């Protein structure tokens, strides 16, 4: 497959190295062209923080005799290849810590940008740029390096570095670019760049084969076939999206634009993963960041966590694993760990977000995940249909896992809680035509409007047919081409679970069609995503789940 670096960067699974094409589509004054970049928290990015723009560090320009050369490029998960009239340059990843480059007949000029406090110096090891919590080391294996960078006393900062790469007497240069730190524990290099490219391509293809089924012209999955190239991009976005985070492998929102790890997104990221062990690992790693009381933070980052509640979307992911038989292959030890983690986090809602009655509520609008949604008709706190549905799924999943573990008493208790939450949803919150929300302080009820009021479709046949029909009718009014991808995906999966397959197919086609052209952002079609940040792992995972079902 070929990558459009204007929309998604060349990178690799667990690697912070990136190469993307800047288009300056937001008019920030960036020079257009290919940039080296590094995925890092906003406050420690190459260019001085989250308000400074994209994460590009160095504009890449092939040169000959000191003059810039026009070039074209082709990019794939294996490599980025630049061609000029005088020679060529190739970039590949050598594992997750090293970006390698080699040129023939040309040199390179790297026009860098530094954030406040960052520096660039040249040493016996090569050019060393300190930033992003570490050192970006550019070492020449063939050819030579020169650095133009000095300290400006009045500005109290280093000038932006200009790094020149000159070929050797044979016209060749080769660079090893390390994502390292002050320990300089540099990994060994592969024998050749071809070996690196082959290894990256093999890793990506193995990942893709593991859950994207091949289709033929005569049948299979028509939606997957119709959007084959787009789904390939989704697979790449998911593969490349995983990062090493505090000893775990999780997917930040977007390597280019937001390195926070959002707990709700991890549950969606796990949906299309066919390896139940891996999917459970993602959920366990996410829930491991819960507070001692059991609240799962909205997001976590290297420096801090946002300890605010978000809906337990992971309950749906676990329910799918149970219904699909995936947990049957999970070890008893891991299953027990999942039970204990969910016991703690689900009980947080049952003990910290209920009153005398078992009415689980959001305390603040933003806790629903999409605070602009119209679900809070009675104000806050709010007993809302989406949260009630997640609680039904969570308690039911705990009941079934407890049963698998031989905890018969716990299984019965959680089963009772699930039924109780279902009764609240279908009796206390349903008015015959749609769901209401309830303010437990004032007792006021009001219609729960917007997309989140349709999340109970995830319960499928647990709901009465009349209720399903009414919700499906409401779903028909959603402008799927403009809807936020994650809640839209969950509603469409709910339509499938509720037997509304034709409606689900039509909705999925509209949603996927809009994302294929404009990316997976919630403002697609209205506001362009930053260069290189059109496709994010969690929305892509949701769309892959739809493509595999419909």
Protein backbone atom coordinates (compact mmCIF):
# COMPACT_ATOMS: atom_id res chain seq x y z
CA UNK A 1 0.00 0.00 0.00
CA UNK A 2 1.02 3.61 -0.56
CA UNK A 3 0.84 6.26 2.17
CA UNK A 4 -0.26 9.85 1.67
CA UNK A 5 2.09 11.60 4.09
CA UNK A 6 -0.06 14.72 3.97
CA UNK A 7 -2.67 12.73 5.89
CA UNK A 8 -0.78 10.10 7.86
CA UNK A 9 2.92 9.86 8.74
CA UNK A 10 5.43 7.20 7.92
CA UNK A 11 6.13 5.58 11.28
CA UNK A 12 6.05 2.19 12.95
CA UNK A 13 4.45 0.31 15.79
CA UNK A 14 5.94 1.50 19.12
CA UNK A 15 8.20 4.03 17.36
CA UNK A 16 8.24 7.77 18.05
CA UNK A 17 10.01 8.50 14.74
CA UNK A 18 7.82 9.98 12.02
CA UNK A 19 8.15 11.47 8.56
CA UNK A 20 5.24 13.47 7.17
CA UNK A 21 4.42 16.09 4.55
CA UNK A 22 3.52 19.53 5.88
CA UNK A 23 0.88 21.36 3.81
CA UNK A 24 0.30 24.33 6.14
CA UNK A 25 -3.42 23.73 5.69
CA UNK A 26 -4.13 25.86 8.78
CA UNK A 27 -2.17 28.84 7.46
CA UNK A 28 0.36 28.89 10.30
CA UNK A 29 3.24 29.84 8.02
CA UNK A 30 5.00 26.48 7.90
CA UNK A 31 7.25 25.80 4.92
CA UNK A 32 5.73 23.02 2.87
CA UNK A 33 7.57 19.76 2.38
CA UNK A 34 8.66 16.57 4.14
CA UNK A 35 9.54 16.83 7.83
CA UNK A 36 11.26 14.61 10.34
CA UNK A 37 9.12 14.48 13.48
CA UNK A 38 9.00 12.79 16.86
CA UNK A 39 5.91 11.80 18.82
CA UNK A 40 6.19 13.49 22.20
CA UNK A 41 3.99 15.16 24.81
CA UNK A 42 3.05 18.67 23.71
CA UNK A 43 5.04 20.41 26.43
CA UNK A 44 8.22 18.66 25.36
CA UNK A 45 7.85 18.65 21.60
CA UNK A 46 10.62 19.76 19.25
CA UNK A 47 9.02 23.10 18.62
CA UNK A 48 8.23 24.40 22.05
CA UNK A 49 4.87 23.21 23.27
CA UNK A 50 1.34 22.43 22.24
CA UNK A 51 0.55 25.91 20.87
CA UNK A 52 3.49 25.94 18.47
CA UNK A 53 1.93 23.78 15.77
CA UNK A 54 2.75 20.34 14.35
CA UNK A 55 5.48 18.11 15.71
CA UNK A 56 7.78 18.61 12.73
CA UNK A 57 11.41 19.13 13.68
CA UNK A 58 13.39 19.33 10.47
CA UNK A 59 12.38 20.18 6.92
CA UNK A 60 14.03 17.61 4.63
CA UNK A 61 15.56 18.92 1.39
CA UNK A 62 17.78 16.96 -1.01
CA UNK A 63 20.70 19.12 -2.17
CA UNK A 64 23.52 19.05 -4.69
CA UNK A 65 26.39 21.50 -4.47
CA UNK A 66 24.52 23.27 -1.71
CA UNK A 67 21.48 23.92 -3.93
CA UNK A 68 18.02 22.47 -3.18
CA UNK A 69 16.65 19.90 -5.57
CA UNK A 70 13.08 19.28 -6.61
CA UNK A 71 11.93 15.79 -5.71
CA UNK A 72 9.08 13.35 -5.71
CA UNK A 73 8.49 10.66 -3.13
CA UNK A 74 6.73 7.35 -2.62
CA UNK A 75 5.85 6.11 0.87
CA UNK A 76 4.75 2.75 2.22
CA UNK A 77 4.82 1.05 5.63
CA UNK A 78 8.30 -0.15 4.65
CA UNK A 79 10.05 3.03 3.50
CA UNK A 80 9.95 6.55 2.14
CA UNK A 81 11.85 6.96 -1.12
CA UNK A 82 12.78 10.38 -2.54
CA UNK A 83 13.83 10.79 -6.16
CA UNK A 84 15.58 13.75 -7.81
CA UNK A 85 17.21 14.31 -11.19
CA UNK A 86 20.62 13.77 -9.58
CA UNK A 87 20.02 10.91 -7.13
CA UNK A 88 17.81 9.39 -4.49
CA UNK A 89 17.31 9.21 -0.71
CA UNK A 90 15.68 6.42 1.28
CA UNK A 91 14.30 6.43 4.84
CA UNK A 92 13.50 3.25 6.79
CA UNK A 93 12.91 2.30 10.41
CA UNK A 94 15.36 -0.05 12.09
CA UNK A 95 13.27 -1.25 15.02
CA UNK A 96 11.38 1.32 17.06
CA UNK A 97 14.31 3.51 18.16
CA UNK A 98 16.26 4.14 14.96
CA UNK A 99 15.38 5.94 11.73
CA UNK A 100 17.90 5.30 8.99
CA UNK A 101 18.53 7.27 5.82
CA UNK A 102 20.78 6.64 2.85
CA UNK A 103 21.41 8.72 -0.25
CA UNK A 104 23.16 8.30 -3.57
CA UNK A 105 24.29 11.19 -5.75
CA UNK A 106 22.81 13.84 -3.45
CA UNK A 107 23.19 15.29 0.03
CA UNK A 108 20.60 16.52 2.52
CA UNK A 109 19.78 19.75 4.26
CA UNK A 110 17.72 19.55 7.46
CA UNK A 111 16.23 22.89 8.55
CA UNK A 112 15.33 22.35 12.19
CA UNK A 113 13.15 24.14 14.71
CA UNK A 114 13.88 24.21 18.42
CA UNK A 115 11.64 24.85 21.37
CA UNK A 116 12.64 26.99 24.32
CA UNK A 117 15.32 25.24 26.33
CA UNK A 118 16.26 22.81 23.56
CA UNK A 119 19.75 22.82 22.11
CA UNK A 120 21.65 21.36 19.19
CA UNK A 121 25.37 20.57 19.32
CA UNK A 122 27.81 18.51 17.29
CA UNK A 123 29.97 15.93 19.07
CA UNK A 124 32.04 12.92 18.17
CA UNK A 125 28.79 10.93 18.11
CA UNK A 126 27.10 13.27 15.64
CA UNK A 127 24.52 16.05 15.88
CA UNK A 128 22.72 15.88 19.23
CA UNK A 129 19.43 17.69 19.75
CA UNK A 130 18.12 17.70 23.32
CA UNK A 131 14.33 17.78 23.50
CA UNK A 132 11.19 15.67 23.97
CA UNK A 133 12.54 14.13 27.16
CA UNK A 134 15.63 12.75 25.48
CA UNK A 135 18.24 13.19 22.78
CA UNK A 136 17.73 13.08 19.03
CA UNK A 137 21.08 11.84 17.79
CA UNK A 138 21.94 12.03 14.09
CA UNK A 139 25.04 9.94 13.37
CA UNK A 140 26.78 9.73 9.99
CA UNK A 141 27.83 6.21 8.94
CA UNK A 142 28.83 7.41 5.48
CA UNK A 143 29.48 10.98 4.40
CA UNK A 144 29.79 13.91 6.81
CA UNK A 145 27.69 16.18 8.99
CA UNK A 146 27.87 19.92 9.59
CA UNK A 147 25.79 21.96 12.03
CA UNK A 148 24.99 25.67 11.97
CA UNK A 149 23.53 26.55 15.39
CA UNK A 150 24.62 29.02 18.04
CA UNK A 151 23.35 30.65 21.23
CA UNK A 152 21.62 34.01 20.92
CA UNK A 153 22.24 36.03 24.08
CA UNK A 154 19.40 38.49 23.60
CA UNK A 155 16.85 35.83 22.68
CA UNK A 156 18.06 33.46 25.43
CA UNK A 157 17.80 30.51 23.07
CA UNK A 158 19.67 28.59 20.44
CA UNK A 159 19.14 29.50 16.82
CA UNK A 160 17.21 26.98 14.80
CA UNK A 161 19.74 24.39 13.59
CA UNK A 162 20.66 23.82 9.98
CA UNK A 163 22.17 20.37 9.51
CA UNK A 164 24.01 19.63 6.28
CA UNK A 165 24.72 16.07 5.15
CA UNK A 166 27.42 15.71 2.50
CA UNK A 167 28.04 12.46 0.61
CA UNK A 168 31.44 10.77 0.65
CA UNK A 169 33.83 10.47 -2.27
CA UNK A 170 31.65 7.73 -3.80
CA UNK A 171 28.59 9.96 -3.72
CA UNK A 172 26.97 8.05 -0.85
CA UNK A 173 25.74 9.04 2.59
CA UNK A 174 24.10 7.06 5.33
CA UNK A 175 22.59 8.24 8.62
CA UNK A 176 21.43 6.49 11.76
CA UNK A 177 19.01 8.72 13.71
CA UNK A 178 18.49 7.55 17.28
CA UNK A 179 15.66 8.31 19.70
CA UNK A 180 17.80 8.02 22.82
CA UNK A 181 18.67 9.68 26.15
CA UNK A 182 21.68 10.63 28.27
CA UNK A 183 22.58 6.96 28.79
CA UNK A 184 23.32 6.59 25.06
CA UNK A 185 22.31 2.93 25.09
CA UNK A 186 22.19 2.70 21.31
CA UNK A 187 20.62 -0.45 19.83
CA UNK A 188 22.54 -2.52 17.29
CA UNK A 189 21.76 -1.77 13.66
CA UNK A 190 20.49 -4.16 11.02
CA UNK A 191 22.83 -5.22 8.25
CA UNK A 192 21.19 -3.12 5.54
CA UNK A 193 18.35 -0.70 4.86
CA UNK A 194 16.71 -3.36 2.71
CA UNK A 195 16.62 -5.67 5.73
CA UNK A 196 14.96 -2.89 7.75
CA UNK A 197 12.33 -2.24 5.09
CA UNK A 198 11.55 -5.93 4.75
CA UNK A 199 11.18 -6.31 8.52
CA UNK A 200 8.79 -3.35 8.76
CA UNK A 201 6.73 -4.57 5.85
CA UNK A 202 6.55 -8.09 7.26
CA UNK A 203 5.44 -6.82 10.68
CA UNK A 204 2.71 -4.68 9.14
CA UNK A 205 1.47 -7.44 6.85
CA UNK A 206 1.34 -9.95 9.70
CA UNK A 207 -0.68 -7.44 11.74
CA UNK A 208 -3.03 -6.80 8.82
CA UNK A 209 -3.58 -10.49 8.07
CA UNK A 210 -4.45 -11.17 11.69
CA UNK A 211 -7.82 -9.48 11.52
CA UNK A 212 -8.60 -8.07 8.07
CA UNK A 213 -10.18 -10.83 6.04
CA UNK A 214 -9.56 -11.08 2.33
CA UNK A 215 -12.65 -10.62 0.18
CA UNK A 216 -13.44 -11.60 -3.36
CA UNK A 217 -15.52 -9.94 -6.03
CA UNK A 218 -18.34 -12.39 -5.61
CA UNK A 219 -19.12 -12.10 -1.94
CA UNK A 220 -17.57 -11.93 1.49
CA UNK A 221 -17.80 -8.51 3.12
CA UNK A 222 -19.06 -6.03 0.50
CA UNK A 223 -18.40 -2.94 2.60
CA UNK A 224 -14.83 -4.06 3.26
CA UNK A 225 -14.33 -4.71 -0.47
CA UNK A 226 -15.78 -1.38 -1.59
CA UNK A 227 -13.42 0.58 0.65
CA UNK A 228 -10.39 -1.71 0.48
CA UNK A 229 -7.80 1.08 0.21
CA UNK A 230 -9.37 3.08 3.04
CA UNK A 231 -9.45 0.06 5.34
CA UNK A 232 -5.79 -0.56 4.55
CA UNK A 233 -5.12 2.95 5.85
CA UNK A 234 -7.19 2.16 8.96
CA UNK A 235 -5.14 -0.97 9.58
CA UNK A 236 -1.94 1.03 9.20
CA UNK A 237 -3.22 3.76 11.54
CA UNK A 238 -4.01 1.16 14.19
CA UNK A 239 -0.72 -0.71 13.73
CA UNK A 240 1.34 2.48 13.82
CA UNK A 241 -0.73 4.02 16.60
CA UNK A 242 0.49 1.83 19.44
CA UNK A 243 3.15 3.39 21.65
CA UNK A 244 5.22 2.16 24.56
CA UNK A 245 3.68 3.92 27.55
CA UNK A 246 5.00 3.32 31.05
CA UNK A 247 5.81 -0.29 30.27
CA UNK A 248 2.53 -0.93 28.47
CA UNK A 249 1.44 -0.86 24.81
CA UNK A 250 -1.44 1.57 24.34
CA UNK A 251 -2.64 3.86 21.57
CA UNK A 252 -2.51 7.64 22.16
CA UNK A 253 -5.15 9.74 20.44
CA UNK A 254 -2.84 10.63 17.55
CA UNK A 255 0.95 10.52 17.27
CA UNK A 256 0.98 13.77 15.33
CA UNK A 257 -1.45 15.87 17.34
CA UNK A 258 -2.28 14.42 20.77
CA UNK A 259 -0.12 12.03 22.78
CA UNK A 260 -2.62 11.66 25.64
CA UNK A 261 -3.92 8.11 26.12
CA UNK A 262 -7.71 8.34 26.45
CA UNK A 263 -9.16 5.47 28.45
CA UNK A 264 -12.44 5.39 26.53
CA UNK A 265 -10.57 5.16 23.23
CA UNK A 266 -8.59 2.11 24.39
CA UNK A 267 -11.84 0.14 24.70
CA UNK A 268 -12.65 0.98 21.07
CA UNK A 269 -9.09 0.23 19.96
CA UNK A 270 -9.48 -3.30 21.33
CA UNK A 271 -12.74 -3.99 19.42
CA UNK A 272 -11.32 -5.35 16.12
CA UNK A 273 -8.38 -7.18 17.69
CA UNK A 274 -9.00 -10.90 17.02
CA UNK A 275 -6.48 -12.09 19.61
CA UNK A 276 -8.56 -12.07 22.82
CA UNK A 277 -5.40 -12.21 24.93
CA UNK A 278 -4.14 -9.00 23.36
CA UNK A 279 -7.55 -7.32 23.59
CA UNK A 280 -7.75 -8.18 27.31
CA UNK A 281 -4.21 -6.87 27.80
CA UNK A 282 -5.27 -3.51 26.34
CA UNK A 283 -8.23 -3.36 28.74
CA UNK A 284 -6.18 -4.46 31.73
CA UNK A 285 -3.47 -1.93 30.97
CA UNK A 286 -6.09 0.79 30.72
CA UNK A 287 -7.86 -0.14 33.95
CA UNK A 288 -4.52 -0.36 35.76
CA UNK A 289 -4.47 3.45 35.83
CA UNK A 290 -7.63 3.59 37.96
CA UNK A 291 -7.41 5.56 41.19
CA UNK A 292 -7.31 3.62 44.49
CA UNK A 293 -11.07 4.19 44.74
CA UNK A 294 -11.62 2.76 41.25
CA UNK A 295 -12.20 5.78 39.00
CA UNK A 296 -10.62 5.33 35.56
CA UNK A 297 -9.03 8.66 34.47
CA UNK A 298 -10.31 10.34 31.35
CA UNK A 299 -6.75 10.32 30.01
CA UNK A 300 -3.22 9.71 31.13
CA UNK A 301 0.10 11.07 29.92
CA UNK A 302 3.75 10.79 30.85
CA UNK A 303 3.57 13.67 33.31
CA UNK A 304 0.00 13.58 34.62
CA UNK A 305 -3.44 11.98 34.54
CA UNK A 306 -6.80 13.71 34.21
CA UNK A 307 -8.74 12.14 37.07
CA UNK A 308 -12.22 12.76 35.77
CA UNK A 309 -14.80 10.06 35.10
CA UNK A 310 -15.67 8.73 31.65
CA UNK A 311 -18.32 6.16 30.70
CA UNK A 312 -17.26 2.49 31.04
CA UNK A 313 -17.22 1.75 27.30
CA UNK A 314 -14.91 -1.16 28.09
CA UNK A 315 -18.05 -2.99 29.29
CA UNK A 316 -19.18 -3.30 25.68
CA UNK A 317 -15.77 -4.54 24.54
CA UNK A 318 -15.77 -7.23 27.20
CA UNK A 319 -19.36 -8.20 26.33
CA UNK A 320 -18.33 -8.70 22.69
CA UNK A 321 -15.42 -10.87 23.78
CA UNK A 322 -17.77 -12.98 25.88
CA UNK A 323 -20.44 -13.29 23.18
CA UNK A 324 -17.84 -14.18 20.55
CA UNK A 325 -16.23 -16.83 22.73
CA UNK A 326 -12.95 -14.95 22.88
CA UNK A 327 -12.61 -15.20 26.65
CA UNK A 328 -12.72 -19.01 26.42
CA UNK A 329 -9.12 -18.89 25.19
CA UNK A 330 -7.94 -16.54 27.95
CA UNK A 331 -6.10 -18.08 30.89
CA UNK A 332 -7.85 -18.31 34.24
CA UNK A 333 -5.18 -16.08 35.73
CA UNK A 334 -5.77 -13.31 33.20
CA UNK A 335 -9.54 -13.75 33.44
CA UNK A 336 -9.30 -13.38 37.20
CA UNK A 337 -7.24 -10.20 36.77
CA UNK A 338 -9.90 -8.81 34.42
CA UNK A 339 -12.62 -9.64 36.92
CA UNK A 340 -10.77 -7.91 39.77
CA UNK A 341 -10.04 -4.82 37.67
CA UNK A 342 -13.65 -4.50 36.49
CA UNK A 343 -14.98 -5.25 39.99
CA UNK A 344 -13.06 -2.25 41.27
CA UNK A 345 -13.94 0.17 38.48
CA UNK A 346 -17.62 -0.78 38.12
CA UNK A 347 -18.08 -0.60 41.87
CA UNK A 348 -16.79 2.97 41.73
CA UNK A 349 -19.90 3.92 39.77
CA UNK A 350 -22.17 1.89 42.06
CA UNK A 351 -20.75 3.37 45.27
CA UNK A 352 -19.61 6.87 44.31
CA UNK A 353 -22.23 7.80 41.71
CA UNK A 354 -25.50 6.57 43.23
CA UNK A 355 -27.69 7.77 46.08
CA UNK A 356 -30.26 5.85 48.10
CA UNK A 357 -31.56 4.32 44.87
CA UNK A 358 -29.31 2.45 42.41
CA UNK A 359 -29.53 5.30 39.89
CA UNK A 360 -26.05 5.71 38.43
CA UNK A 361 -25.40 9.27 37.26
CA UNK A 362 -22.96 11.61 35.58
CA UNK A 363 -22.00 14.44 37.93
CA UNK A 364 -20.74 16.71 35.13
CA UNK A 365 -21.62 17.13 31.47
CA UNK A 366 -18.12 16.36 30.18
CA UNK A 367 -18.13 12.91 31.80
CA UNK A 368 -20.24 11.51 28.96
CA UNK A 369 -17.27 11.91 26.60
CA UNK A 370 -19.03 14.24 24.16
CA UNK A 371 -20.19 17.22 26.24
CA UNK A 372 -21.79 18.98 23.26
CA UNK A 373 -24.36 16.21 22.96
CA UNK A 374 -27.92 17.10 23.95
CA UNK A 375 -28.45 14.25 26.39
CA UNK A 376 -28.59 16.40 29.56
CA UNK A 377 -32.11 17.81 29.24
CA UNK A 378 -32.64 17.86 33.00
CA UNK A 379 -29.26 19.30 33.86
CA UNK A 380 -26.68 17.64 36.07
CA UNK A 381 -26.28 15.36 37.86
CA UNK A 382 -27.91 13.16 35.25
CA UNK A 383 -29.09 9.55 35.17
CA UNK A 384 -28.67 9.04 31.43
CA UNK A 385 -29.61 6.15 29.12
CA UNK A 386 -26.11 5.67 27.73
CA UNK A 387 -24.55 5.27 31.17
CA UNK A 388 -27.36 2.94 32.28
CA UNK A 389 -26.75 0.77 29.21
CA UNK A 390 -23.04 0.53 29.95
CA UNK A 391 -23.85 -0.46 33.54
CA UNK A 392 -26.15 -3.25 32.29
CA UNK A 393 -23.33 -4.58 30.10
CA UNK A 394 -20.68 -4.18 32.81
CA UNK A 395 -22.64 -6.04 35.50
CA UNK A 396 -23.67 -8.75 33.03
CA UNK A 397 -20.03 -9.21 31.95
CA UNK A 398 -18.91 -9.47 35.58
CA UNK A 399 -21.63 -12.04 36.22
CA UNK A 400 -20.49 -14.20 33.30
CA UNK A 401 -16.80 -13.90 34.14
CA UNK A 402 -17.55 -14.75 37.79
CA UNK A 403 -19.39 -17.84 36.59
CA UNK A 404 -16.40 -18.90 34.49
CA UNK A 405 -14.20 -18.50 37.56
CA UNK A 406 -16.53 -20.58 39.74
CA UNK A 407 -17.70 -17.58 41.78
CA UNK A 408 -21.36 -18.60 41.78
CA UNK A 409 -22.44 -16.20 44.51
CA UNK A 410 -20.79 -13.24 42.80
CA UNK A 411 -22.24 -14.30 39.47
CA UNK A 412 -25.76 -14.24 40.91
CA UNK A 413 -25.19 -10.89 42.60
CA UNK A 414 -23.86 -9.22 39.46
CA UNK A 415 -26.65 -10.76 37.43
CA UNK A 416 -29.17 -9.14 39.76
CA UNK A 417 -27.42 -5.75 39.42
CA UNK A 418 -27.52 -6.06 35.63
CA UNK A 419 -31.25 -6.78 35.65
CA UNK A 420 -31.83 -3.91 38.07
CA UNK A 421 -30.00 -1.48 35.80
CA UNK A 422 -31.94 -2.79 32.79
CA UNK A 423 -35.20 -2.17 34.63
CA UNK A 424 -34.13 1.39 35.40
CA UNK A 425 -33.38 1.93 31.72
CA UNK A 426 -36.57 0.41 30.32
CA UNK A 427 -38.97 1.57 33.05
CA UNK A 428 -37.71 4.72 34.77
CA UNK A 429 -36.08 6.31 31.72
CA UNK A 430 -38.37 5.22 28.86
CA UNK A 431 -41.54 7.17 28.09
CA UNK A 432 -42.91 5.12 25.24
CA UNK A 433 -41.30 7.07 22.41
CA UNK A 434 -37.74 7.62 23.60
CA UNK A 435 -35.43 7.84 26.56
CA UNK A 436 -35.45 10.52 29.22
CA UNK A 437 -32.68 11.63 31.52
CA UNK A 438 -33.36 12.10 35.21
CA UNK A 439 -31.86 14.56 37.66
CA UNK A 440 -31.57 12.60 40.94
CA UNK A 441 -31.37 15.82 42.99
CA UNK A 442 -34.48 17.55 41.67
CA UNK A 443 -36.40 14.54 40.38
CA UNK A 444 -36.90 16.38 37.07
CA UNK A 445 -37.15 14.34 33.87
CA UNK A 446 -36.53 15.59 30.35
CA UNK A 447 -36.09 14.00 26.96
CA UNK A 448 -32.57 12.72 26.36
CA UNK A 449 -31.80 13.96 22.88
CA UNK A 450 -28.82 13.51 20.62
CA UNK A 451 -26.73 10.52 19.62
CA UNK A 452 -25.91 9.28 23.10
CA UNK A 453 -29.59 8.55 23.77
CA UNK A 454 -29.26 5.75 21.18
CA UNK A 455 -26.33 3.98 22.88
CA UNK A 456 -28.78 1.51 24.56
CA UNK A 457 -29.07 -0.17 21.15
CA UNK A 458 -25.84 -1.93 22.20
CA UNK A 459 -28.03 -4.07 24.47
CA UNK A 460 -29.55 -5.65 21.39
CA UNK A 461 -32.33 -8.16 22.05
CA UNK A 462 -32.34 -7.34 25.74
CA UNK A 463 -34.57 -4.44 24.72
CA UNK A 464 -38.23 -4.95 23.70
CA UNK A 465 -38.92 -4.87 19.95
CA UNK A 466 -41.05 -1.73 20.29
CA UNK A 467 -38.15 0.08 21.94
CA UNK A 468 -35.68 -1.11 19.31
CA UNK A 469 -37.99 0.07 16.51
CA UNK A 470 -38.36 3.51 18.09
CA UNK A 471 -34.59 3.91 18.57
CA UNK A 472 -33.86 2.72 15.03
CA UNK A 473 -36.30 5.31 13.72
CA UNK A 474 -34.45 8.02 15.65
CA UNK A 475 -31.11 6.73 14.37
CA UNK A 476 -32.35 7.17 10.80
CA UNK A 477 -32.27 10.93 11.38
CA UNK A 478 -28.54 11.05 12.21
CA UNK A 479 -26.31 12.81 9.68
CA UNK A 480 -23.78 9.97 9.68
CA UNK A 481 -21.35 11.76 7.38
CA UNK A 482 -20.89 14.46 10.06
CA UNK A 483 -21.28 12.38 13.23
CA UNK A 484 -18.39 11.79 15.69
CA UNK A 485 -16.91 8.47 14.64
CA UNK A 486 -16.76 6.63 17.98
CA UNK A 487 -20.36 7.15 19.20
CA UNK A 488 -21.60 6.69 15.63
CA UNK A 489 -19.74 3.37 15.42
CA UNK A 490 -21.23 2.19 18.71
CA UNK A 491 -24.77 3.06 17.57
CA UNK A 492 -24.30 1.23 14.28
CA UNK A 493 -22.97 -1.81 16.13
CA UNK A 494 -26.08 -1.52 18.29
CA UNK A 495 -28.27 -1.58 15.19
CA UNK A 496 -26.53 -4.78 14.13
CA UNK A 497 -27.00 -6.32 17.59
CA UNK A 498 -30.69 -5.33 17.49
CA UNK A 499 -31.33 -7.02 14.15
CA UNK A 500 -31.51 -3.81 12.12
CA UNK A 501 -28.93 -4.94 9.58
CA UNK A 502 -30.16 -2.94 6.58
CA UNK A 503 -30.25 0.26 8.61
CA UNK A 504 -26.77 -0.51 9.94
CA UNK A 505 -25.38 -1.05 6.44
CA UNK A 506 -26.73 2.25 5.16
CA UNK A 507 -25.40 4.13 8.18
CA UNK A 508 -21.99 2.45 8.01
CA UNK A 509 -21.64 3.23 4.32
CA UNK A 510 -22.35 6.93 4.93
CA UNK A 511 -19.99 7.11 7.92
CA UNK A 512 -17.14 5.26 6.26
CA UNK A 513 -17.56 7.18 3.01
CA UNK A 514 -17.16 10.50 4.82
CA UNK A 515 -14.04 9.29 6.64
CA UNK A 516 -12.41 7.87 3.51
CA UNK A 517 -12.21 11.33 2.00
CA UNK A 518 -11.81 13.63 4.98
CA UNK A 519 -10.23 11.58 7.78
CA UNK A 520 -11.62 10.34 11.06
CA UNK A 521 -11.79 13.61 13.00
CA UNK A 522 -15.06 14.72 14.55
CA UNK A 523 -14.96 17.93 12.49
CA UNK A 524 -14.16 16.25 9.16
CA UNK A 525 -15.66 18.03 6.18
CA UNK A 526 -15.77 21.27 8.19
CA UNK A 527 -12.30 21.84 9.58
CA UNK A 528 -9.29 20.11 8.07
CA UNK A 529 -7.13 18.07 10.39
CA UNK A 530 -3.50 19.15 10.87
CA UNK A 531 -1.11 17.78 8.28
CA UNK A 532 -0.32 14.14 9.00
CA UNK A 533 -3.13 13.80 11.57
CA UNK A 534 -6.14 12.83 9.45
CA UNK A 535 -6.43 9.27 10.77
CA UNK A 536 -6.41 8.28 14.44
CA UNK A 537 -6.16 4.72 15.81
CA UNK A 538 -9.34 4.51 17.91
CA UNK A 539 -11.79 5.78 15.26
CA UNK A 540 -10.03 3.61 12.68
CA UNK A 541 -10.43 0.60 14.98
CA UNK A 542 -14.14 1.31 15.26
CA UNK A 543 -14.51 1.57 11.49
CA UNK A 544 -12.56 -1.67 11.01
CA UNK A 545 -15.02 -3.34 13.38
CA UNK A 546 -17.90 -2.13 11.23
CA UNK A 547 -16.18 -3.25 8.03
CA UNK A 548 -15.69 -6.72 9.46
CA UNK A 549 -19.36 -7.12 10.38
CA UNK A 550 -21.34 -5.57 7.58
